[in-house]
C-alpha cells in the first residue's frame, strides 16, 4: 500500500499524538514510594528497583559523548537518511552511535506480529476517538504534569512549540500506522531517534538554570518512571476513556492496542520489568505514578495557551471555545482548572449531551434521527483538528538537540 493511502486510512486521527507525544521526551512529577511489583510486567520478574532512579545506561553515555565531541550536526545529517524500519543504518555515524542503534533497533523477543496487526485494525476502526483523546486528552494533560511541562518548556524545543509539535507528531501517528513495526513502516526509526533525543536531553537539561531552579530536586530528567508516566497518559488514559464512553472494543483490539504500546515502551528504552503485562497491571501502575502528580505550574499554563493558540489556527479562533469544552469533557474539570482551560457555558453541556449519542450512533447502537445537528459540528471540528496535526507531522525530522531553550 502506498504511503498516501496508508495516511488516508489514518486521517480520522488514530495516529495523532501530535500533542500527546509532547510527553514522550519529558519527565513527570515527584510521587509516592514505588510499590508496583515486577511480577506484573511483561518480563514477569525484575529487581524491583524504583524506576525514579533508573535512566538509560545504553543510550545516555553515547549521546553525552556525541554532544561533548561536537558531533550533533554530523549525526543529525546522517539520521535524516534513515526513514524506514528495513533500511540499513546510514553512513557517517560515529562507531559508538552505530553500535548503539544496531542494538536499539531490534524488536523485543516477545513482540507479537498478530497483536500488532490487531492494533492497526483497531486504529482504522476507532481512529476518531483515539485521535481526539491523544490530542485533547493526553497532550493537554502533559501540561498538568509539572516535571513534564518544565522539561518541555526549558528544553530547546520549548522555544518553538509549533515546530516541537510537528516533530513529536511523528511518534504519535507512526505508532498507529498500519505498518508501524513492519519492515516498510517507520516506528522503529521514530522510537530509536526519540530514545536518542531523550538521552541528549538528560545530558543537556541539568545545565539549564531555569530547569535546575524548578526541578524539585531531580538532578537527571526523564527517568524510567517519567517515561512510564507519559506512557500512561497515552495508552492507559485512552483505553480508560474508551470504556467511559462505552466504545465497543473487542478483546483482540484491546490486547493489540496494549501490545503496540508495550513494544513502543521497550523501543524507547524502558526496561521490560516496568512495562505492564495487562490492562489491570497498567491501571494499578497508573494510579501510583500518574494520577497523583497532576498539578498546575506557570510553565504548564503557558504551554497550554501556546497549544490552544496553535489549534486556533484552524479557523481564526472560532473553534477554540469548542476545543476548550471538549478538553474539559475529556480531562474533567479538575485537570481543566489545573491547566487554565476556559469554561464554556454553551459548549460544555452540549458536548456532554451530544457526544455519547454520537458515539452510540457511530457504533450502530442508535438511529441517526436521535443525533442533534450540533453533534456533527463537534465531530467536524475534531476532524479538522486531526488533519491539522497530521499535516504538521508529515515529513518532519526528529533531531538530537545541541542546547537548551535560550534564556
Protein backbone atom coordinates (compact mmCIF):
# COMPACT_ATOMS: atom_id res chain seq x y z
CA UNK A 1 0.00 0.00 0.00
CA UNK A 2 1.46 3.38 -0.92
CA UNK A 3 2.28 5.97 1.73
CA UNK A 4 -0.55 8.34 0.85
CA UNK A 5 -3.16 5.60 1.02
CA UNK A 6 -1.96 4.48 4.42
CA UNK A 7 -2.08 8.02 5.74
CA UNK A 8 -5.61 8.46 4.41
CA UNK A 9 -6.69 5.39 6.36
CA UNK A 10 -5.44 7.11 9.50
CA UNK A 11 -6.95 10.50 8.77
CA UNK A 12 -9.62 10.09 11.42
CA UNK A 13 -6.89 10.58 13.95
CA UNK A 14 -5.88 7.29 15.47
CA UNK A 15 -2.30 8.23 14.73
CA UNK A 16 -2.50 11.76 16.00
CA UNK A 17 -0.47 12.13 19.13
CA UNK A 18 0.80 15.49 17.97
CA UNK A 19 0.06 16.99 21.33
CA UNK A 20 0.07 13.72 23.22
CA UNK A 21 3.58 12.91 22.12
CA UNK A 22 4.83 16.09 23.76
CA UNK A 23 5.19 13.97 26.84
CA UNK A 24 7.31 11.33 25.11
CA UNK A 25 10.54 13.12 25.91
CA UNK A 26 9.74 14.59 29.27
CA UNK A 27 9.74 13.72 32.97
CA UNK A 28 6.94 13.60 35.47
CA UNK A 29 6.39 14.97 38.97
CA UNK A 30 7.59 13.50 42.26
CA UNK A 31 5.44 10.69 43.57
CA UNK A 32 4.99 8.21 46.37
CA UNK A 33 7.28 5.31 47.19
CA UNK A 34 7.40 2.77 44.36
CA UNK A 35 5.49 -0.40 45.27
CA UNK A 36 4.45 -1.81 41.86
CA UNK A 37 5.65 -5.41 41.59
CA UNK A 38 7.74 -6.58 38.58
CA UNK A 39 5.67 -9.78 38.58
CA UNK A 40 3.00 -7.72 36.80
CA UNK A 41 5.34 -6.78 33.95
CA UNK A 42 5.92 -8.28 30.51
CA UNK A 43 9.15 -9.70 31.95
CA UNK A 44 7.28 -11.30 34.85
CA UNK A 45 10.22 -10.60 37.15
CA UNK A 46 12.83 -7.97 37.94
CA UNK A 47 15.00 -6.37 40.58
CA UNK A 48 12.14 -4.21 41.80
CA UNK A 49 14.25 -1.04 41.82
CA UNK A 50 12.36 2.23 41.90
CA UNK A 51 12.36 3.42 38.25
CA UNK A 52 12.69 7.00 39.52
CA UNK A 53 16.41 6.19 39.88
CA UNK A 54 16.88 4.29 36.62
CA UNK A 55 17.64 6.02 33.33
CA UNK A 56 19.08 4.58 30.07
CA UNK A 57 22.52 3.13 30.60
CA UNK A 58 22.88 2.18 26.92
CA UNK A 59 21.89 5.48 25.29
CA UNK A 60 22.95 8.07 27.86
CA UNK A 61 26.76 7.78 27.66
CA UNK A 62 26.67 7.56 23.86
CA UNK A 63 24.66 10.74 23.37
CA UNK A 64 26.58 12.61 26.05
CA UNK A 65 29.77 11.77 24.16
CA UNK A 66 28.27 12.91 20.86
CA UNK A 67 27.40 16.29 22.38
CA UNK A 68 30.77 16.70 24.08
CA UNK A 69 32.62 15.79 20.85
CA UNK A 70 30.63 18.39 18.91
CA UNK A 71 29.15 15.75 16.56
CA UNK A 72 25.43 16.57 16.88
CA UNK A 73 25.18 18.15 13.42
CA UNK A 74 27.04 15.21 11.86
CA UNK A 75 24.75 12.65 13.49
CA UNK A 76 21.59 14.59 12.61
CA UNK A 77 22.65 14.83 8.98
CA UNK A 78 23.12 11.05 8.86
CA UNK A 79 19.83 10.36 10.67
CA UNK A 80 17.84 12.30 8.05
CA UNK A 81 18.61 9.49 5.60
CA UNK A 82 17.11 6.79 7.85
CA UNK A 83 13.33 6.73 7.43
CA UNK A 84 12.21 3.08 7.12
CA UNK A 85 12.50 0.18 9.52
CA UNK A 86 14.18 -2.07 6.95
CA UNK A 87 16.85 0.41 5.86
CA UNK A 88 20.47 -0.17 6.86
CA UNK A 89 21.87 2.49 9.12
CA UNK A 90 23.23 5.46 7.17
CA UNK A 91 26.92 6.13 6.68
CA UNK A 92 28.54 8.95 8.57
CA UNK A 93 27.57 7.80 12.06
CA UNK A 94 30.28 7.59 14.75
CA UNK A 95 31.09 3.98 15.65
CA UNK A 96 29.60 4.14 19.14
CA UNK A 97 26.36 5.63 17.79
CA UNK A 98 26.13 2.97 15.09
CA UNK A 99 26.70 0.16 17.60
CA UNK A 100 24.01 1.57 19.91
CA UNK A 101 21.48 1.99 17.10
CA UNK A 102 22.02 -1.52 15.74
CA UNK A 103 21.16 -2.88 19.16
CA UNK A 104 18.33 -0.45 19.85
CA UNK A 105 16.51 -1.13 16.57
CA UNK A 106 15.86 -4.81 17.43
CA UNK A 107 12.31 -5.65 18.45
CA UNK A 108 11.90 -7.50 21.75
CA UNK A 109 11.69 -11.29 21.53
CA UNK A 110 8.14 -11.12 22.89
CA UNK A 111 6.82 -8.84 20.12
CA UNK A 112 3.73 -10.50 18.57
CA UNK A 113 3.04 -9.76 14.90
CA UNK A 114 -0.59 -10.85 15.25
CA UNK A 115 -1.25 -8.43 18.09
CA UNK A 116 0.49 -5.61 16.24
CA UNK A 117 -1.77 -6.29 13.24
CA UNK A 118 -4.79 -6.16 15.56
CA UNK A 119 -3.59 -2.77 16.81
CA UNK A 120 -3.52 -1.46 13.24
CA UNK A 121 -7.06 -2.72 12.61
CA UNK A 122 -8.17 -1.06 15.83
CA UNK A 123 -6.75 2.26 14.63
CA UNK A 124 -8.69 2.14 11.37
CA UNK A 125 -11.95 1.49 13.25
CA UNK A 126 -11.60 3.75 16.29
CA UNK A 127 -9.35 6.49 14.99
CA UNK A 128 -11.70 9.40 15.62
CA UNK A 129 -11.73 8.54 19.32
CA UNK A 130 -8.05 7.80 19.80
CA UNK A 131 -7.09 10.88 17.81
CA UNK A 132 -9.24 13.17 19.93
CA UNK A 133 -8.00 11.53 23.12
CA UNK A 134 -4.32 11.72 22.21
CA UNK A 135 -4.55 15.37 21.27
CA UNK A 136 -7.20 16.90 23.51
CA UNK A 137 -6.68 14.49 26.37
CA UNK A 138 -3.11 13.21 26.63
CA UNK A 139 -1.49 16.25 25.04
CA UNK A 140 -3.16 18.79 27.28
CA UNK A 141 -2.74 16.51 30.30
CA UNK A 142 1.02 16.70 29.74
CA UNK A 143 0.93 20.38 30.66
CA UNK A 144 -0.53 19.41 34.06
CA UNK A 145 2.39 17.09 34.83
CA UNK A 146 4.86 19.50 36.48
CA UNK A 147 8.15 17.85 35.58
CA UNK A 148 6.92 17.14 32.10
CA UNK A 149 5.77 20.69 31.48
CA UNK A 150 9.01 22.15 32.79
CA UNK A 151 11.18 19.80 30.76
CA UNK A 152 9.32 20.71 27.58
CA UNK A 153 9.44 24.41 28.43
CA UNK A 154 13.15 24.62 29.24
CA UNK A 155 14.44 22.28 26.52
CA UNK A 156 15.40 23.59 23.10
CA UNK A 157 12.04 22.69 21.56
CA UNK A 158 10.16 24.77 24.10
CA UNK A 159 11.22 27.95 22.33
CA UNK A 160 9.27 27.00 19.17
CA UNK A 161 6.26 24.94 20.17
CA UNK A 162 4.77 24.66 16.70
CA UNK A 163 7.99 23.10 15.44
CA UNK A 164 8.14 20.93 18.55
CA UNK A 165 4.61 19.68 18.00
CA UNK A 166 5.31 18.96 14.35
CA UNK A 167 8.32 16.85 15.29
CA UNK A 168 6.71 14.98 18.16
CA UNK A 169 3.72 14.24 15.94
CA UNK A 170 5.91 11.70 14.21
CA UNK A 171 5.79 9.28 17.14
CA UNK A 172 2.07 9.74 17.62
CA UNK A 173 0.98 8.79 14.15
CA UNK A 174 3.77 6.28 13.49
CA UNK A 175 2.67 4.19 16.48
CA UNK A 176 -0.79 3.94 14.88
CA UNK A 177 0.44 3.45 11.33
CA UNK A 178 -0.82 0.29 9.65
CA UNK A 179 2.78 -0.80 9.03
CA UNK A 180 4.21 0.59 12.27
CA UNK A 181 6.67 -2.17 13.14
CA UNK A 182 6.72 -3.92 9.78
CA UNK A 183 9.80 -3.60 7.52
CA UNK A 184 8.05 -0.97 5.40
CA UNK A 185 6.97 1.09 8.43
CA UNK A 186 8.76 3.77 10.38
CA UNK A 187 8.04 3.23 14.05
CA UNK A 188 11.37 1.56 14.83
CA UNK A 189 13.11 4.56 13.28
CA UNK A 190 10.96 7.02 15.20
CA UNK A 191 11.37 5.20 18.52
CA UNK A 192 15.16 4.92 18.25
CA UNK A 193 15.53 8.58 17.29
CA UNK A 194 13.23 9.60 20.15
CA UNK A 195 15.22 7.48 22.57
CA UNK A 196 18.36 9.31 21.42
CA UNK A 197 16.65 12.67 21.95
CA UNK A 198 15.74 11.60 25.49
CA UNK A 199 19.37 10.76 26.21
CA UNK A 200 20.57 14.09 24.82
CA UNK A 201 18.03 15.99 26.95
CA UNK A 202 19.22 14.10 30.04
CA UNK A 203 22.70 15.43 29.37
CA UNK A 204 21.68 18.99 28.50
CA UNK A 205 18.77 19.90 30.77
CA UNK A 206 20.73 19.79 34.07
CA UNK A 207 22.80 22.64 32.58
CA UNK A 208 19.69 24.86 32.27
CA UNK A 209 19.37 27.38 35.15
CA UNK A 210 15.62 27.59 34.57
CA UNK A 211 15.12 23.84 34.76
CA UNK A 212 17.51 23.44 37.69
CA UNK A 213 15.64 26.12 39.62
CA UNK A 214 12.26 24.41 39.17
CA UNK A 215 13.19 20.70 39.01
CA UNK A 216 12.15 19.97 42.60
CA UNK A 217 15.44 18.30 43.43
CA UNK A 218 15.58 16.00 40.40
CA UNK A 219 19.15 16.09 39.10
CA UNK A 220 18.70 13.99 35.93
CA UNK A 221 15.45 14.22 33.96
CA UNK A 222 13.47 11.55 32.11
CA UNK A 223 13.88 8.57 34.41
CA UNK A 224 12.23 5.26 33.58
CA UNK A 225 9.39 6.30 35.90
CA UNK A 226 8.99 9.53 33.96
CA UNK A 227 8.72 7.74 30.64
CA UNK A 228 6.08 5.43 32.07
CA UNK A 229 4.08 8.41 33.40
CA UNK A 230 3.89 9.66 29.82
CA UNK A 231 3.08 6.13 28.61
CA UNK A 232 0.08 6.01 30.95
CA UNK A 233 -1.08 9.46 29.86
CA UNK A 234 -1.33 7.96 26.38
CA UNK A 235 -2.11 4.23 26.41
CA UNK A 236 -3.83 3.76 29.78
CA UNK A 237 -5.72 7.05 29.68
CA UNK A 238 -7.04 6.39 26.16
CA UNK A 239 -8.30 2.90 26.99
CA UNK A 240 -9.85 4.19 30.22
CA UNK A 241 -11.76 6.88 28.33
CA UNK A 242 -12.93 4.48 25.61
CA UNK A 243 -14.53 2.44 28.37
CA UNK A 244 -16.06 5.56 29.91
CA UNK A 245 -17.51 6.50 26.52
CA UNK A 246 -18.82 2.94 26.07
CA UNK A 247 -16.99 2.46 22.80
CA UNK A 248 -17.20 -1.24 21.92
CA UNK A 249 -13.69 -2.71 21.80
CA UNK A 250 -13.08 -6.42 21.22
CA UNK A 251 -10.62 -8.37 23.34
CA UNK A 252 -8.30 -8.73 20.35
CA UNK A 253 -8.41 -4.98 19.69
CA UNK A 254 -7.78 -4.14 23.33
CA UNK A 255 -4.85 -6.53 23.56
CA UNK A 256 -3.46 -5.26 20.26
CA UNK A 257 -3.62 -1.62 21.36
CA UNK A 258 -1.88 -2.50 24.61
CA UNK A 259 0.76 -4.54 22.79
CA UNK A 260 1.77 -1.82 20.35
CA UNK A 261 2.36 0.46 23.31
CA UNK A 262 4.22 -2.27 25.22
CA UNK A 263 6.58 -2.70 22.27
CA UNK A 264 6.92 1.07 21.98
CA UNK A 265 7.91 1.40 25.66
CA UNK A 266 10.62 -1.23 25.11
CA UNK A 267 11.86 0.52 21.97
CA UNK A 268 12.07 3.79 23.90
CA UNK A 269 14.47 2.12 26.31
CA UNK A 270 12.13 1.20 29.17
CA UNK A 271 13.21 -1.98 30.94
CA UNK A 272 10.75 -4.82 30.48
CA UNK A 273 10.26 -5.14 34.24
CA UNK A 274 8.48 -1.76 34.25
CA UNK A 275 6.15 -2.43 31.29
CA UNK A 276 2.70 -3.67 32.43
CA UNK A 277 1.69 -7.10 31.15
CA UNK A 278 -2.04 -6.32 31.01
CA UNK A 279 -4.57 -3.55 31.46
CA UNK A 280 -5.20 -4.36 35.12
CA UNK A 281 -1.48 -4.04 35.84
CA UNK A 282 -1.35 -0.85 33.79
CA UNK A 283 -4.21 0.69 35.76
CA UNK A 284 -2.52 -0.21 39.04
CA UNK A 285 0.75 1.38 37.96
CA UNK A 286 -1.00 4.46 36.56
CA UNK A 287 -2.83 5.05 39.83
CA UNK A 288 0.55 5.16 41.55
CA UNK A 289 2.69 7.15 39.14
CA UNK A 290 0.37 9.35 37.04
CA UNK A 291 -2.91 10.10 38.77
CA UNK A 292 -1.44 11.71 41.96
CA UNK A 293 1.07 14.02 40.24
CA UNK A 294 -1.20 16.32 38.25
CA UNK A 295 -0.69 19.92 39.32
CA UNK A 296 -0.54 23.46 37.98
CA UNK A 297 2.70 25.26 37.07
CA UNK A 298 3.41 28.57 35.32
CA UNK A 299 5.27 26.66 32.61
CA UNK A 300 2.37 24.25 32.10
CA UNK A 301 -0.19 27.03 31.88
CA UNK A 302 1.92 28.91 29.35
CA UNK A 303 2.32 25.77 27.25
CA UNK A 304 -1.44 25.20 27.38
CA UNK A 305 -2.04 28.67 25.96
CA UNK A 306 0.53 28.09 23.22
CA UNK A 307 -1.02 24.77 22.23
CA UNK A 308 -4.55 26.16 22.13
CA UNK A 309 -3.38 29.16 20.12
CA UNK A 310 -2.00 26.75 17.54
CA UNK A 311 -5.34 24.94 17.49
CA UNK A 312 -7.00 28.30 16.87
CA UNK A 313 -5.19 28.50 13.53
CA UNK A 314 -7.87 26.13 12.24
CA UNK A 315 -10.39 28.93 11.83
CA UNK A 316 -9.02 32.15 13.32
CA UNK A 317 -10.02 31.08 16.81
CA UNK A 318 -13.68 30.23 16.28
CA UNK A 319 -13.08 26.60 17.23
CA UNK A 320 -11.15 27.33 20.41
CA UNK A 321 -14.24 27.51 22.69
CA UNK A 322 -15.36 24.11 21.38
CA UNK A 323 -11.86 22.68 21.90
CA UNK A 324 -11.80 24.08 25.45
CA UNK A 325 -15.14 22.42 26.18
CA UNK A 326 -14.22 19.08 24.63
CA UNK A 327 -10.91 19.03 26.51
CA UNK A 328 -12.75 19.68 29.78
CA UNK A 329 -15.21 16.92 28.91
CA UNK A 330 -12.30 14.56 28.24
CA UNK A 331 -9.99 15.50 31.11
CA UNK A 332 -12.53 16.54 33.75
CA UNK A 333 -12.88 19.87 35.49
CA UNK A 334 -10.07 19.25 37.97
CA UNK A 335 -7.42 18.90 35.26
CA UNK A 336 -9.11 21.59 33.18
CA UNK A 337 -8.76 24.00 36.09
CA UNK A 338 -5.14 22.99 36.67
CA UNK A 339 -4.13 23.97 33.14
CA UNK A 340 -6.34 27.06 32.99
CA UNK A 341 -8.89 25.93 30.40
CA UNK A 342 -11.72 28.41 29.99
CA UNK A 343 -15.19 27.22 30.96
CA UNK A 344 -17.62 27.29 28.04
CA UNK A 345 -21.25 27.58 29.25
CA UNK A 346 -22.66 26.95 25.77
CA UNK A 347 -20.44 24.15 24.50
CA UNK A 348 -19.87 22.14 27.69
CA UNK A 349 -23.47 20.99 28.27
CA UNK A 350 -23.96 20.48 24.54
CA UNK A 351 -20.93 18.18 24.28
CA UNK A 352 -21.86 16.30 27.45
CA UNK A 353 -25.24 15.50 25.96
CA UNK A 354 -24.37 15.07 22.29
CA UNK A 355 -21.07 13.18 22.36
CA UNK A 356 -22.43 9.98 23.97
CA UNK A 357 -25.20 9.95 21.35
CA UNK A 358 -22.71 10.46 18.56
CA UNK A 359 -20.57 7.59 19.86
CA UNK A 360 -23.63 5.34 20.06
CA UNK A 361 -24.64 6.25 16.50
CA UNK A 362 -21.14 5.65 15.15
CA UNK A 363 -21.15 2.24 16.79
CA UNK A 364 -24.57 1.35 15.36
CA UNK A 365 -26.36 1.43 18.69
CA UNK A 366 -28.94 4.14 17.95
CA UNK A 367 -30.51 5.54 14.73
CA UNK A 368 -29.50 8.79 13.04
CA UNK A 369 -32.66 10.84 13.88
CA UNK A 370 -31.71 10.91 17.57
CA UNK A 371 -28.44 12.78 16.91
CA UNK A 372 -28.68 16.57 17.36
CA UNK A 373 -27.31 18.61 14.48
CA UNK A 374 -24.78 20.32 16.77
CA UNK A 375 -23.09 16.96 17.37
CA UNK A 376 -21.88 16.95 13.77
CA UNK A 377 -20.33 20.36 14.35
CA UNK A 378 -18.30 18.80 17.16
CA UNK A 379 -17.19 15.88 15.02
CA UNK A 380 -16.23 18.08 12.08
CA UNK A 381 -14.16 20.33 14.33
CA UNK A 382 -12.33 17.28 15.71
CA UNK A 383 -11.63 16.03 12.19
CA UNK A 384 -10.15 19.38 11.22
CA UNK A 385 -8.06 19.32 14.39
CA UNK A 386 -6.72 15.87 13.48
CA UNK A 387 -5.96 16.90 9.90
CA UNK A 388 -4.02 19.94 11.08
CA UNK A 389 -1.69 17.93 13.26
CA UNK A 390 -1.25 15.04 10.87
CA UNK A 391 -0.13 17.51 8.23
CA UNK A 392 2.23 19.19 10.70
CA UNK A 393 3.87 15.88 11.44
CA UNK A 394 4.42 14.78 7.85
CA UNK A 395 7.98 14.91 6.58
CA UNK A 396 9.49 16.13 9.86
CA UNK A 397 12.95 15.07 11.01
CA UNK A 398 13.38 14.13 14.66
CA UNK A 399 16.77 15.58 15.60
CA UNK A 400 19.12 15.47 18.54
CA UNK A 401 19.26 18.81 20.37
CA UNK A 402 22.60 20.51 20.99
CA UNK A 403 21.42 23.09 23.53
CA UNK A 404 18.59 24.04 25.89
CA UNK A 405 15.97 26.75 25.43
CA UNK A 406 17.66 30.13 25.01
CA UNK A 407 17.36 32.39 28.04
